[in-house]
């Protein structure tokens, strides 16, 4: 299965870079176990960004389904970590195998369960990789059903829940309107359920399904650009970008306009080192003269396509 052949315009319209694409065959599949373990153990998303080797992704997700309260990237899965779940994760990575809706639901629920920890980008990987494998509706359903049967006061007991909630917004946007509408309605009801408890997960879900209205509701928190992927207001995006330039990505530029690239180009020193190779990819997808000008200021080597 080769990567989908998509134009830059199609990728950007789909929410790039907030999606994942699976490729097989891929050179990293020859060392899929080691690659999946490394990706699980990272504290920054260095190994893979949008494009993943399919077998590596399957093993990574299976490992992720075993890692809960002790976090990810804190206790090494490469070594003899004295934790039962680390051993279980390594065993799951080694087994590999396809992922169906039932297992995808289990993986989502594990990321949302009380005590689940780890760095937030793992929640994004889980949502978008599972979307590719079992479909977006199944991923959203798994999360909403979990929150519907869980008191709002307990949602924040998972350190991955808020990130996962936010990324559901991209998945919902990619669903056909008739499929998305009832799920959005349920998500909005959940926002109301979680907010009386001052729940951060509910706030993130609010941004994902209510866009500008949620930004206005949470104005006292002064939400940065990271929380504005679902706001159709180029002037507002440009205003907020001035204070959080390191958060600008290709999706912001697609929605907010090329002026955001001038802000980014002037503040590249604030972009984390791990992010710069992936930013090169994103600027290439944007493809504009302004994007190429920013890319020229970044290290010349392109990231390995993995």
Protein backbone atom coordinates (compact mmCIF):
# COMPACT_ATOMS: atom_id res chain seq x y z
CA UNK A 1 0.00 0.00 0.00
CA UNK A 2 1.66 3.16 -1.20
CA UNK A 3 0.97 6.58 0.30
CA UNK A 4 -2.10 8.30 -1.03
CA UNK A 5 -1.28 10.52 -3.97
CA UNK A 6 -2.56 13.90 -2.85
CA UNK A 7 -1.86 17.41 -4.02
CA UNK A 8 -0.70 20.05 -1.57
CA UNK A 9 -4.10 21.70 -1.85
CA UNK A 10 -5.85 18.44 -0.94
CA UNK A 11 -3.58 17.87 2.05
CA UNK A 12 -4.10 21.40 3.37
CA UNK A 13 -7.86 21.17 2.90
CA UNK A 14 -7.84 17.90 4.87
CA UNK A 15 -6.13 19.54 7.87
CA UNK A 16 -2.43 18.90 7.18
CA UNK A 17 -0.27 18.40 9.21
CA UNK A 18 -2.93 17.19 11.67
CA UNK A 19 -3.38 13.84 9.98
CA UNK A 20 -1.32 10.73 9.31
CA UNK A 21 -0.55 8.72 6.20
CA UNK A 22 0.62 5.09 6.19
CA UNK A 23 3.13 3.71 3.71
CA UNK A 24 4.17 0.17 2.85
CA UNK A 25 6.63 -1.02 1.79
CA UNK A 26 8.95 1.32 3.71
CA UNK A 27 12.64 0.82 4.62
CA UNK A 28 11.89 1.17 8.34
CA UNK A 29 9.62 -1.88 8.23
CA UNK A 30 12.74 -4.04 8.16
CA UNK A 31 13.41 -2.86 11.72
CA UNK A 32 9.80 -2.19 12.69
CA UNK A 33 10.08 -3.37 16.31
CA UNK A 34 13.04 -1.12 17.10
CA UNK A 35 11.45 1.84 15.31
CA UNK A 36 8.14 1.42 17.14
CA UNK A 37 9.87 1.15 20.52
CA UNK A 38 11.90 4.27 19.79
CA UNK A 39 8.77 6.21 18.80
CA UNK A 40 7.03 5.12 22.01
CA UNK A 41 9.94 6.22 24.14
CA UNK A 42 10.42 9.70 22.68
CA UNK A 43 9.88 12.89 24.66
CA UNK A 44 9.61 14.87 21.41
CA UNK A 45 8.05 13.61 18.14
CA UNK A 46 11.33 13.11 16.31
CA UNK A 47 10.94 9.80 14.48
CA UNK A 48 7.76 10.38 12.49
CA UNK A 49 5.45 13.24 11.68
CA UNK A 50 2.73 12.81 9.03
CA UNK A 51 4.03 9.80 7.10
CA UNK A 52 4.51 6.51 8.97
CA UNK A 53 5.59 3.04 7.87
CA UNK A 54 2.45 0.95 8.26
CA UNK A 55 3.98 -1.91 10.25
CA UNK A 56 5.75 0.52 12.58
CA UNK A 57 2.47 2.34 13.18
CA UNK A 58 0.62 -0.89 14.00
CA UNK A 59 3.29 -1.95 16.50
CA UNK A 60 3.50 1.51 18.02
CA UNK A 61 -0.27 1.62 18.58
CA UNK A 62 -0.32 -1.84 20.10
CA UNK A 63 2.41 -0.78 22.51
CA UNK A 64 0.57 2.43 23.29
CA UNK A 65 -2.46 0.38 24.27
CA UNK A 66 -0.43 -1.16 27.11
CA UNK A 67 1.06 2.04 28.52
CA UNK A 68 -1.02 3.81 31.12
CA UNK A 69 -0.38 5.31 34.48
CA UNK A 70 3.41 5.42 34.31
CA UNK A 71 3.53 7.52 31.17
CA UNK A 72 5.39 7.29 27.90
CA UNK A 73 8.91 8.39 27.21
CA UNK A 74 9.75 8.49 30.91
CA UNK A 75 10.43 4.82 31.59
CA UNK A 76 12.36 3.38 28.66
CA UNK A 77 10.72 0.61 26.70
CA UNK A 78 14.07 -0.27 25.15
CA UNK A 79 15.62 -1.38 28.42
CA UNK A 80 14.58 -3.69 31.22
CA UNK A 81 12.19 -1.21 32.80
CA UNK A 82 10.94 -2.66 36.11
CA UNK A 83 7.31 -2.02 35.24
CA UNK A 84 4.82 -4.70 34.18
CA UNK A 85 3.22 -2.40 31.63
CA UNK A 86 6.59 -1.64 30.02
CA UNK A 87 7.15 -5.35 29.55
CA UNK A 88 3.58 -5.71 28.23
CA UNK A 89 4.15 -2.85 25.81
CA UNK A 90 7.34 -4.39 24.47
CA UNK A 91 5.55 -7.72 24.04
CA UNK A 92 2.70 -6.03 22.17
CA UNK A 93 5.16 -4.23 19.90
CA UNK A 94 6.88 -7.53 19.16
CA UNK A 95 3.59 -9.29 18.35
CA UNK A 96 2.35 -6.64 15.96
CA UNK A 97 -0.71 -7.39 13.85
CA UNK A 98 -3.70 -5.59 12.42
CA UNK A 99 -5.94 -3.32 14.49
CA UNK A 100 -9.72 -3.52 14.33
CA UNK A 101 -12.37 -1.23 15.80
CA UNK A 102 -12.48 -3.15 19.09
CA UNK A 103 -8.75 -2.81 19.66
CA UNK A 104 -8.79 0.82 18.50
CA UNK A 105 -11.49 1.52 21.09
CA UNK A 106 -9.38 -0.14 23.76
CA UNK A 107 -6.37 2.00 22.83
CA UNK A 108 -8.40 5.23 22.98
CA UNK A 109 -9.93 4.23 26.31
CA UNK A 110 -6.48 3.49 27.74
CA UNK A 111 -5.32 6.98 26.80
CA UNK A 112 -8.38 8.48 28.52
CA UNK A 113 -8.41 6.33 31.66
CA UNK A 114 -7.50 7.90 35.02
CA UNK A 115 -3.75 7.85 35.53
CA UNK A 116 -2.85 7.66 31.85
CA UNK A 117 0.23 9.77 31.27
CA UNK A 118 2.80 10.57 28.67
CA UNK A 119 3.58 13.39 26.31
CA UNK A 120 0.65 14.93 24.46
CA UNK A 121 1.88 14.23 20.95
CA UNK A 122 1.34 10.52 21.58
CA UNK A 123 -2.39 11.27 21.91
CA UNK A 124 -2.30 13.03 18.52
CA UNK A 125 -0.48 10.07 16.94
CA UNK A 126 -3.06 7.68 18.42
CA UNK A 127 -6.05 9.65 17.12
CA UNK A 128 -4.73 10.20 13.60
CA UNK A 129 -3.13 6.80 13.07
CA UNK A 130 -6.27 5.02 14.25
CA UNK A 131 -8.34 7.27 12.00
CA UNK A 132 -6.34 5.95 9.06
CA UNK A 133 -6.76 2.34 10.16
CA UNK A 134 -10.40 2.09 11.32
CA UNK A 135 -12.01 5.35 10.24
CA UNK A 136 -12.61 8.65 11.98
CA UNK A 137 -16.14 7.90 13.15
CA UNK A 138 -14.97 4.91 15.19
CA UNK A 139 -12.24 6.96 16.87
CA UNK A 140 -14.59 9.79 17.82
CA UNK A 141 -17.24 7.32 19.01
CA UNK A 142 -14.72 5.60 21.31
CA UNK A 143 -13.79 8.87 22.99
CA UNK A 144 -17.29 10.27 23.30
CA UNK A 145 -18.70 7.02 24.69
CA UNK A 146 -15.95 6.95 27.32
CA UNK A 147 -16.69 10.50 28.47
CA UNK A 148 -20.45 9.95 28.39
CA UNK A 149 -20.15 7.21 31.00
CA UNK A 150 -17.45 8.99 33.06
CA UNK A 151 -18.13 11.91 35.45
CA UNK A 152 -16.71 15.16 34.08
CA UNK A 153 -14.71 15.67 37.27
CA UNK A 154 -12.63 12.60 36.36
CA UNK A 155 -11.75 13.45 32.77
CA UNK A 156 -8.61 15.37 33.69
CA UNK A 157 -7.29 12.37 35.63
CA UNK A 158 -5.76 11.34 32.31
CA UNK A 159 -2.89 13.55 31.19
CA UNK A 160 -3.59 12.64 27.56
CA UNK A 161 -7.32 13.45 27.58
CA UNK A 162 -7.09 17.17 26.83
CA UNK A 163 -4.79 16.69 23.82
CA UNK A 164 -6.90 13.84 22.53
CA UNK A 165 -10.07 15.90 22.87
CA UNK A 166 -8.64 18.77 20.85
CA UNK A 167 -7.44 16.58 18.00
CA UNK A 168 -10.89 15.09 17.57
CA UNK A 169 -11.81 18.41 15.96
CA UNK A 170 -9.68 17.60 12.92
CA UNK A 171 -11.19 14.14 12.62
CA UNK A 172 -14.74 15.51 12.83
CA UNK A 173 -13.92 18.05 10.11
CA UNK A 174 -12.88 15.22 7.78
CA UNK A 175 -16.07 13.20 8.25
CA UNK A 176 -18.99 13.55 5.86
CA UNK A 177 -21.43 16.12 7.32
CA UNK A 178 -24.17 13.55 7.94
CA UNK A 179 -21.79 11.41 9.99
CA UNK A 180 -20.20 14.34 11.77
CA UNK A 181 -23.37 16.17 12.82
CA UNK A 182 -24.64 13.73 15.50
CA UNK A 183 -21.11 13.30 16.87
CA UNK A 184 -20.62 17.07 17.10
CA UNK A 185 -23.96 17.36 18.91
CA UNK A 186 -22.84 14.76 21.46
CA UNK A 187 -19.46 16.46 21.86
CA UNK A 188 -21.12 19.81 22.56
CA UNK A 189 -23.31 18.19 25.20
CA UNK A 190 -20.17 16.77 26.79
CA UNK A 191 -18.58 20.22 26.91
CA UNK A 192 -21.50 21.35 29.06
CA UNK A 193 -21.12 18.24 31.22
CA UNK A 194 -17.44 18.82 31.90
CA UNK A 195 -17.29 22.57 32.36
CA UNK A 196 -18.98 22.87 35.79
CA UNK A 197 -15.99 20.96 37.16
CA UNK A 198 -13.58 23.45 35.51
CA UNK A 199 -12.41 20.55 33.36
CA UNK A 200 -9.50 21.30 31.01
CA UNK A 201 -10.42 18.36 28.79
CA UNK A 202 -13.89 19.86 28.30
CA UNK A 203 -12.28 23.20 27.46
CA UNK A 204 -10.16 21.57 24.75
CA UNK A 205 -13.18 19.75 23.37
CA UNK A 206 -14.97 23.11 23.36
CA UNK A 207 -12.25 24.61 21.13
CA UNK A 208 -12.49 21.58 18.84
CA UNK A 209 -16.25 21.70 18.23
CA UNK A 210 -17.19 25.32 18.91
CA UNK A 211 -14.27 27.25 17.42
CA UNK A 212 -14.52 31.03 17.82
CA UNK A 213 -17.37 30.77 20.34
CA UNK A 214 -15.13 28.68 22.59
CA UNK A 215 -12.27 31.16 22.25
CA UNK A 216 -14.62 33.95 23.36
CA UNK A 217 -15.90 31.85 26.27
CA UNK A 218 -12.37 31.22 27.46
CA UNK A 219 -10.97 34.69 26.78
CA UNK A 220 -9.80 35.09 30.37
CA UNK A 221 -7.34 32.25 29.78
CA UNK A 222 -5.88 34.13 26.77
CA UNK A 223 -5.69 31.03 24.58
CA UNK A 224 -2.69 30.96 22.27
CA UNK A 225 -2.49 30.11 18.60
CA UNK A 226 -2.34 26.38 19.36
CA UNK A 227 -6.03 26.50 20.32
CA UNK A 228 -7.16 28.35 17.18
CA UNK A 229 -7.11 25.77 14.42
CA UNK A 230 -10.90 25.93 14.24
CA UNK A 231 -11.25 29.71 14.03
CA UNK A 232 -12.08 31.31 10.66
CA UNK A 233 -10.74 34.77 11.48
CA UNK A 234 -7.44 35.62 9.73
CA UNK A 235 -7.09 38.94 11.56
CA UNK A 236 -7.48 37.25 14.95
CA UNK A 237 -5.02 34.51 14.02
CA UNK A 238 -2.45 37.09 12.97
CA UNK A 239 -2.95 39.03 16.19
CA UNK A 240 -2.47 36.00 18.41
CA UNK A 241 0.46 34.70 16.32
CA UNK A 242 2.52 37.70 17.38
CA UNK A 243 2.66 36.39 20.95
CA UNK A 244 2.96 32.68 20.12
CA UNK A 245 4.92 32.53 16.83
CA UNK A 246 6.48 29.16 17.64
CA UNK A 247 3.01 27.58 17.42
CA UNK A 248 2.40 28.49 13.78
CA UNK A 249 1.93 25.49 11.51
CA UNK A 250 0.81 24.92 7.93
CA UNK A 251 -2.82 24.60 8.96
CA UNK A 252 -2.79 28.03 10.58
CA UNK A 253 -1.30 29.52 7.42
CA UNK A 254 -3.87 27.76 5.24
CA UNK A 255 -6.69 29.27 7.28
CA UNK A 256 -5.13 32.56 8.33
CA UNK A 257 -3.15 33.62 5.30
CA UNK A 258 0.41 34.17 4.17
CA UNK A 259 1.04 37.07 6.58
CA UNK A 260 1.52 34.46 9.29
CA UNK A 261 4.68 33.35 7.50
CA UNK A 262 6.26 36.76 7.98
CA UNK A 263 5.66 36.42 11.74
CA UNK A 264 7.12 32.92 11.72
CA UNK A 265 10.14 33.93 9.64
CA UNK A 266 11.04 36.66 12.11
CA UNK A 267 10.86 34.30 15.10
CA UNK A 268 12.48 31.06 13.92
CA UNK A 269 14.80 31.04 16.92
CA UNK A 270 11.73 30.31 19.06
CA UNK A 271 10.90 27.16 17.08
CA UNK A 272 12.11 24.04 18.95
CA UNK A 273 14.99 22.17 17.34
CA UNK A 274 12.97 18.94 16.96
CA UNK A 275 10.23 20.83 15.10
CA UNK A 276 12.41 22.46 12.44
CA UNK A 277 12.80 19.42 10.13
CA UNK A 278 9.06 18.88 10.11
CA UNK A 279 8.52 22.59 9.52
CA UNK A 280 10.62 22.22 6.36
CA UNK A 281 8.09 19.63 5.16
CA UNK A 282 5.14 21.86 6.02
CA UNK A 283 6.61 24.85 4.20
CA UNK A 284 7.17 22.66 1.15
CA UNK A 285 3.49 21.67 1.17
CA UNK A 286 2.48 25.33 1.45
CA UNK A 287 4.73 25.96 -1.53
CA UNK A 288 4.27 29.73 -1.74
CA UNK A 289 7.03 32.27 -2.32
CA UNK A 290 6.71 33.36 1.31
CA UNK A 291 6.96 29.75 2.51
CA UNK A 292 10.09 29.19 0.45
CA UNK A 293 11.62 32.35 1.93
CA UNK A 294 11.10 31.02 5.46
CA UNK A 295 12.42 27.59 4.49
CA UNK A 296 15.59 29.22 3.20
CA UNK A 297 16.36 30.34 6.76
CA UNK A 298 16.14 26.79 8.12
CA UNK A 299 18.84 24.08 7.96
CA UNK A 300 19.26 22.95 4.37
CA UNK A 301 19.01 19.21 5.02
CA UNK A 302 15.53 17.83 4.53
CA UNK A 303 14.17 15.48 7.18
CA UNK A 304 14.30 11.76 6.47
CA UNK A 305 10.93 10.79 4.99
CA UNK A 306 9.84 8.42 7.66
